[in-house]
Amino acid sequence: AGDMITVLQYSNADWWYGKLNSNQEMDGYFPANYVKKVEADAEGESTMLKKREKEAQERAQVEAQKKREKEVLKREQEEAQKKREKEVLKRTQEEAQKKR
């Protein structure tokens, strides 16, 4: 599902001959009613393929942004933890000095 096929022959209305774009070694006849015809632009790329590539890039950008946000949050949490630990250590040292 979702594979792109370059149609080489429209043999008849029911069966077409083409090559699978993801594997140029795979070719053969397939039922025309199992595929959706998508016209290619001047460079030979289909609008659907470009749309899928754009969506994949957008998903990658969103994932990268999520990763950056997660890293920032982790650093902030680590810094807050260090600050709490320093405060506890300082209070502990102050209490120890008061007891002397």
N, C-alpha and C. Protein backbone atom coordinates (compact mmCIF):
# COMPACT_ATOMS: atom_id res chain seq x y z
N ALA A 1 0.85 -1.19 0.00
CA ALA A 1 0.00 0.00 0.00
C ALA A 1 0.87 1.23 0.00
N GLY A 2 0.53 2.17 -0.84
CA GLY A 2 1.27 3.42 -0.91
C GLY A 2 2.49 3.39 -1.80
N ASP A 3 2.76 2.30 -2.47
CA ASP A 3 3.91 2.22 -3.37
C ASP A 3 3.63 3.02 -4.63
N MET A 4 4.70 3.56 -5.19
CA MET A 4 4.59 4.29 -6.45
C MET A 4 5.05 3.36 -7.58
N ILE A 5 4.29 3.33 -8.65
CA ILE A 5 4.59 2.48 -9.81
C ILE A 5 4.67 3.38 -11.03
N THR A 6 5.72 3.21 -11.80
CA THR A 6 5.81 3.91 -13.09
C THR A 6 5.18 3.00 -14.13
N VAL A 7 4.09 3.47 -14.70
CA VAL A 7 3.39 2.66 -15.71
C VAL A 7 4.14 2.81 -17.03
N LEU A 8 4.51 1.67 -17.61
CA LEU A 8 5.25 1.67 -18.87
C LEU A 8 4.33 1.36 -20.05
N GLN A 9 3.26 0.63 -19.78
CA GLN A 9 2.30 0.28 -20.84
C GLN A 9 0.90 0.22 -20.26
N TYR A 10 -0.01 0.87 -20.97
CA TYR A 10 -1.42 0.71 -20.64
C TYR A 10 -1.95 -0.32 -21.64
N SER A 11 -1.62 -1.59 -21.39
CA SER A 11 -1.92 -2.67 -22.33
C SER A 11 -3.39 -2.73 -22.71
N ASN A 12 -4.23 -2.63 -21.71
CA ASN A 12 -5.67 -2.56 -21.95
C ASN A 12 -6.30 -1.89 -20.74
N ALA A 13 -7.58 -1.78 -20.72
CA ALA A 13 -8.26 -1.06 -19.64
C ALA A 13 -8.13 -1.78 -18.30
N ASP A 14 -7.92 -3.10 -18.32
CA ASP A 14 -7.91 -3.87 -17.08
C ASP A 14 -6.51 -4.14 -16.52
N TRP A 15 -5.51 -4.28 -17.37
CA TRP A 15 -4.16 -4.65 -16.94
C TRP A 15 -3.14 -3.68 -17.49
N TRP A 16 -2.28 -3.19 -16.59
CA TRP A 16 -1.19 -2.29 -16.98
C TRP A 16 0.14 -2.96 -16.65
N TYR A 17 1.21 -2.47 -17.29
CA TYR A 17 2.56 -2.98 -17.06
C TYR A 17 3.40 -1.83 -16.52
N GLY A 18 4.18 -2.11 -15.45
CA GLY A 18 5.01 -1.04 -14.90
C GLY A 18 6.08 -1.55 -13.98
N LYS A 19 6.86 -0.59 -13.43
CA LYS A 19 7.95 -0.89 -12.51
C LYS A 19 7.67 -0.23 -11.18
N LEU A 20 7.99 -0.96 -10.12
CA LEU A 20 7.85 -0.44 -8.77
C LEU A 20 8.99 0.56 -8.54
N ASN A 21 8.66 1.80 -8.18
CA ASN A 21 9.68 2.85 -8.04
C ASN A 21 10.68 2.56 -6.94
N SER A 22 10.26 1.90 -5.86
CA SER A 22 11.17 1.62 -4.76
C SER A 22 12.14 0.48 -5.10
N ASN A 23 11.84 -0.29 -6.14
CA ASN A 23 12.68 -1.40 -6.54
C ASN A 23 12.59 -1.54 -8.06
N GLN A 24 13.51 -0.90 -8.75
CA GLN A 24 13.45 -0.85 -10.21
C GLN A 24 13.59 -2.23 -10.85
N GLU A 25 13.99 -3.24 -10.09
CA GLU A 25 14.09 -4.59 -10.64
C GLU A 25 12.74 -5.29 -10.64
N MET A 26 11.76 -4.76 -9.92
CA MET A 26 10.44 -5.38 -9.89
C MET A 26 9.56 -4.74 -10.95
N ASP A 27 9.14 -5.54 -11.89
CA ASP A 27 8.24 -5.05 -12.92
C ASP A 27 7.23 -6.14 -13.25
N GLY A 28 6.16 -5.74 -13.88
CA GLY A 28 5.17 -6.74 -14.25
C GLY A 28 3.81 -6.11 -14.48
N TYR A 29 2.87 -6.99 -14.78
CA TYR A 29 1.49 -6.56 -15.02
C TYR A 29 0.74 -6.51 -13.69
N PHE A 30 -0.19 -5.59 -13.60
CA PHE A 30 -1.01 -5.46 -12.41
C PHE A 30 -2.40 -4.97 -12.82
N PRO A 31 -3.40 -5.31 -12.02
CA PRO A 31 -4.76 -4.89 -12.37
C PRO A 31 -4.90 -3.37 -12.21
N ALA A 32 -5.42 -2.74 -13.22
CA ALA A 32 -5.57 -1.28 -13.23
C ALA A 32 -6.47 -0.80 -12.09
N ASN A 33 -7.44 -1.60 -11.71
CA ASN A 33 -8.36 -1.15 -10.66
C ASN A 33 -7.76 -1.25 -9.26
N TYR A 34 -6.52 -1.74 -9.14
CA TYR A 34 -5.85 -1.82 -7.84
C TYR A 34 -4.99 -0.59 -7.57
N VAL A 35 -4.90 0.32 -8.52
CA VAL A 35 -4.03 1.48 -8.38
C VAL A 35 -4.80 2.77 -8.63
N LYS A 36 -4.23 3.86 -8.14
CA LYS A 36 -4.80 5.18 -8.39
C LYS A 36 -3.80 5.92 -9.26
N LYS A 37 -4.27 6.43 -10.39
CA LYS A 37 -3.39 7.12 -11.33
C LYS A 37 -3.08 8.52 -10.80
N VAL A 38 -1.78 8.83 -10.75
CA VAL A 38 -1.31 10.14 -10.30
C VAL A 38 -0.39 10.68 -11.38
N GLU A 39 -0.70 11.86 -11.89
CA GLU A 39 0.12 12.45 -12.94
C GLU A 39 1.42 13.00 -12.36
N ALA A 40 2.48 12.88 -13.12
CA ALA A 40 3.79 13.40 -12.71
C ALA A 40 3.93 14.83 -13.21
N ASP A 41 4.76 15.62 -12.49
CA ASP A 41 5.02 16.98 -12.94
C ASP A 41 6.13 16.97 -13.98
N ALA A 42 6.64 18.14 -14.35
CA ALA A 42 7.65 18.25 -15.41
C ALA A 42 8.92 17.47 -15.10
N GLU A 43 9.28 17.37 -13.81
CA GLU A 43 10.49 16.63 -13.43
C GLU A 43 10.24 15.14 -13.31
N GLY A 44 8.99 14.71 -13.48
CA GLY A 44 8.67 13.29 -13.40
C GLY A 44 8.26 12.83 -12.02
N GLU A 45 8.18 13.75 -11.06
CA GLU A 45 7.76 13.37 -9.72
C GLU A 45 6.27 13.64 -9.57
N SER A 46 5.60 12.77 -8.88
CA SER A 46 4.17 12.97 -8.69
C SER A 46 3.92 13.97 -7.56
N THR A 47 2.82 14.62 -7.64
CA THR A 47 2.41 15.55 -6.59
C THR A 47 2.24 14.80 -5.28
N MET A 48 1.68 13.59 -5.35
CA MET A 48 1.48 12.78 -4.15
C MET A 48 2.82 12.45 -3.49
N LEU A 49 3.82 12.09 -4.30
CA LEU A 49 5.13 11.77 -3.76
C LEU A 49 5.74 12.99 -3.08
N LYS A 50 5.63 14.15 -3.71
CA LYS A 50 6.15 15.37 -3.11
C LYS A 50 5.44 15.68 -1.80
N LYS A 51 4.13 15.46 -1.77
CA LYS A 51 3.36 15.70 -0.56
C LYS A 51 3.83 14.77 0.55
N ARG A 52 4.05 13.50 0.23
CA ARG A 52 4.52 12.54 1.24
C ARG A 52 5.90 12.94 1.76
N GLU A 53 6.78 13.36 0.86
CA GLU A 53 8.12 13.78 1.29
C GLU A 53 8.03 15.00 2.20
N LYS A 54 7.16 15.96 1.85
CA LYS A 54 6.99 17.15 2.67
C LYS A 54 6.45 16.77 4.05
N GLU A 55 5.47 15.88 4.08
CA GLU A 55 4.90 15.43 5.35
C GLU A 55 5.96 14.73 6.20
N ALA A 56 6.81 13.92 5.56
CA ALA A 56 7.87 13.23 6.28
C ALA A 56 8.87 14.24 6.86
N GLN A 57 9.19 15.27 6.08
CA GLN A 57 10.10 16.31 6.57
C GLN A 57 9.48 17.05 7.74
N GLU A 58 8.19 17.35 7.64
CA GLU A 58 7.50 18.05 8.73
C GLU A 58 7.47 17.19 9.99
N ARG A 59 7.21 15.88 9.83
CA ARG A 59 7.23 14.99 10.99
C ARG A 59 8.61 14.95 11.62
N ALA A 60 9.64 14.91 10.78
CA ALA A 60 11.02 14.89 11.29
C ALA A 60 11.33 16.17 12.04
N GLN A 61 10.86 17.31 11.54
CA GLN A 61 11.09 18.58 12.22
C GLN A 61 10.37 18.62 13.56
N VAL A 62 9.14 18.11 13.60
CA VAL A 62 8.39 18.07 14.86
C VAL A 62 9.10 17.17 15.86
N GLU A 63 9.56 16.02 15.41
CA GLU A 63 10.27 15.10 16.30
C GLU A 63 11.56 15.72 16.81
N ALA A 64 12.27 16.42 15.94
CA ALA A 64 13.52 17.08 16.35
C ALA A 64 13.22 18.16 17.39
N GLN A 65 12.15 18.91 17.18
CA GLN A 65 11.77 19.95 18.14
C GLN A 65 11.39 19.33 19.48
N LYS A 66 10.64 18.22 19.45
CA LYS A 66 10.27 17.54 20.69
C LYS A 66 11.52 17.07 21.43
N LYS A 67 12.48 16.54 20.67
CA LYS A 67 13.72 16.05 21.28
C LYS A 67 14.48 17.21 21.94
N ARG A 68 14.56 18.35 21.24
CA ARG A 68 15.24 19.52 21.82
C ARG A 68 14.53 19.99 23.09
N GLU A 69 13.20 20.04 23.05
CA GLU A 69 12.43 20.47 24.21
C GLU A 69 12.64 19.50 25.38
N LYS A 70 12.69 18.21 25.08
CA LYS A 70 12.91 17.21 26.13
C LYS A 70 14.29 17.38 26.76
N GLU A 71 15.30 17.66 25.91
CA GLU A 71 16.65 17.86 26.42
C GLU A 71 16.73 19.10 27.30
N VAL A 72 16.05 20.19 26.89
CA VAL A 72 16.04 21.42 27.69
C VAL A 72 15.36 21.15 29.03
N LEU A 73 14.23 20.45 29.00
CA LEU A 73 13.52 20.13 30.24
C LEU A 73 14.39 19.29 31.16
N LYS A 74 15.08 18.31 30.59
CA LYS A 74 15.96 17.45 31.40
C LYS A 74 17.07 18.28 32.05
N ARG A 75 17.68 19.19 31.27
CA ARG A 75 18.74 20.05 31.84
C ARG A 75 18.18 20.93 32.96
N GLU A 76 16.99 21.49 32.74
CA GLU A 76 16.37 22.34 33.76
C GLU A 76 16.09 21.53 35.03
N GLN A 77 15.62 20.31 34.87
CA GLN A 77 15.35 19.46 36.03
C GLN A 77 16.64 19.12 36.77
N GLU A 78 17.69 18.82 36.00
CA GLU A 78 18.98 18.50 36.62
C GLU A 78 19.54 19.70 37.38
N GLU A 79 19.43 20.89 36.78
CA GLU A 79 19.91 22.11 37.44
C GLU A 79 19.11 22.39 38.71
N ALA A 80 17.78 22.19 38.65
CA ALA A 80 16.95 22.41 39.83
C ALA A 80 17.32 21.41 40.94
N GLN A 81 17.60 20.17 40.56
CA GLN A 81 18.00 19.15 41.54
C GLN A 81 19.33 19.53 42.18
N LYS A 82 20.28 19.98 41.38
CA LYS A 82 21.58 20.39 41.93
C LYS A 82 21.41 21.56 42.89
N LYS A 83 20.55 22.49 42.53
CA LYS A 83 20.30 23.66 43.39
C LYS A 83 19.71 23.21 44.72
N ARG A 84 18.74 22.28 44.68
CA ARG A 84 18.14 21.76 45.92
C ARG A 84 19.20 21.05 46.77
N GLU A 85 20.05 20.27 46.11
CA GLU A 85 21.09 19.55 46.85
C GLU A 85 22.06 20.52 47.52
N LYS A 86 22.42 21.61 46.82
CA LYS A 86 23.32 22.61 47.41
C LYS A 86 22.67 23.29 48.61
N GLU A 87 21.37 23.59 48.49
CA GLU A 87 20.65 24.22 49.60
C GLU A 87 20.61 23.31 50.82
N VAL A 88 20.35 22.02 50.59
CA VAL A 88 20.31 21.05 51.69
C VAL A 88 21.69 20.95 52.33
N LEU A 89 22.73 20.90 51.51
CA LEU A 89 24.09 20.81 52.03
C LEU A 89 24.43 22.06 52.84
N LYS A 90 24.05 23.23 52.34
CA LYS A 90 24.32 24.49 53.04
C LYS A 90 23.61 24.52 54.39
N ARG A 91 22.33 24.13 54.42
CA ARG A 91 21.58 24.10 55.68
C ARG A 91 22.21 23.11 56.66
N THR A 92 22.61 21.96 56.14
CA THR A 92 23.23 20.93 56.98
C THR A 92 24.52 21.46 57.59
N GLN A 93 25.33 22.16 56.79
CA GLN A 93 26.59 22.72 57.29
C GLN A 93 26.33 23.82 58.31
N GLU A 94 25.31 24.66 58.06
CA GLU A 94 24.97 25.73 59.00
C GLU A 94 24.51 25.14 60.32
N GLU A 95 23.70 24.10 60.28
CA GLU A 95 23.22 23.47 61.50
C GLU A 95 24.37 22.82 62.27
N ALA A 96 25.31 22.24 61.51
CA ALA A 96 26.46 21.61 62.15
C ALA A 96 27.32 22.65 62.85
N GLN A 97 27.46 23.84 62.25
CA GLN A 97 28.27 24.90 62.85
C GLN A 97 27.58 25.46 64.10
N LYS A 98 26.25 25.52 64.09
CA LYS A 98 25.52 26.01 65.25
C LYS A 98 25.69 25.11 66.45
N LYS A 99 25.82 23.82 66.20
CA LYS A 99 25.95 22.85 67.27
C LYS A 99 27.33 22.90 67.91
N ARG A 100 28.31 23.46 67.25
CA ARG A 100 29.68 23.49 67.78
C ARG A 100 29.86 24.54 68.80
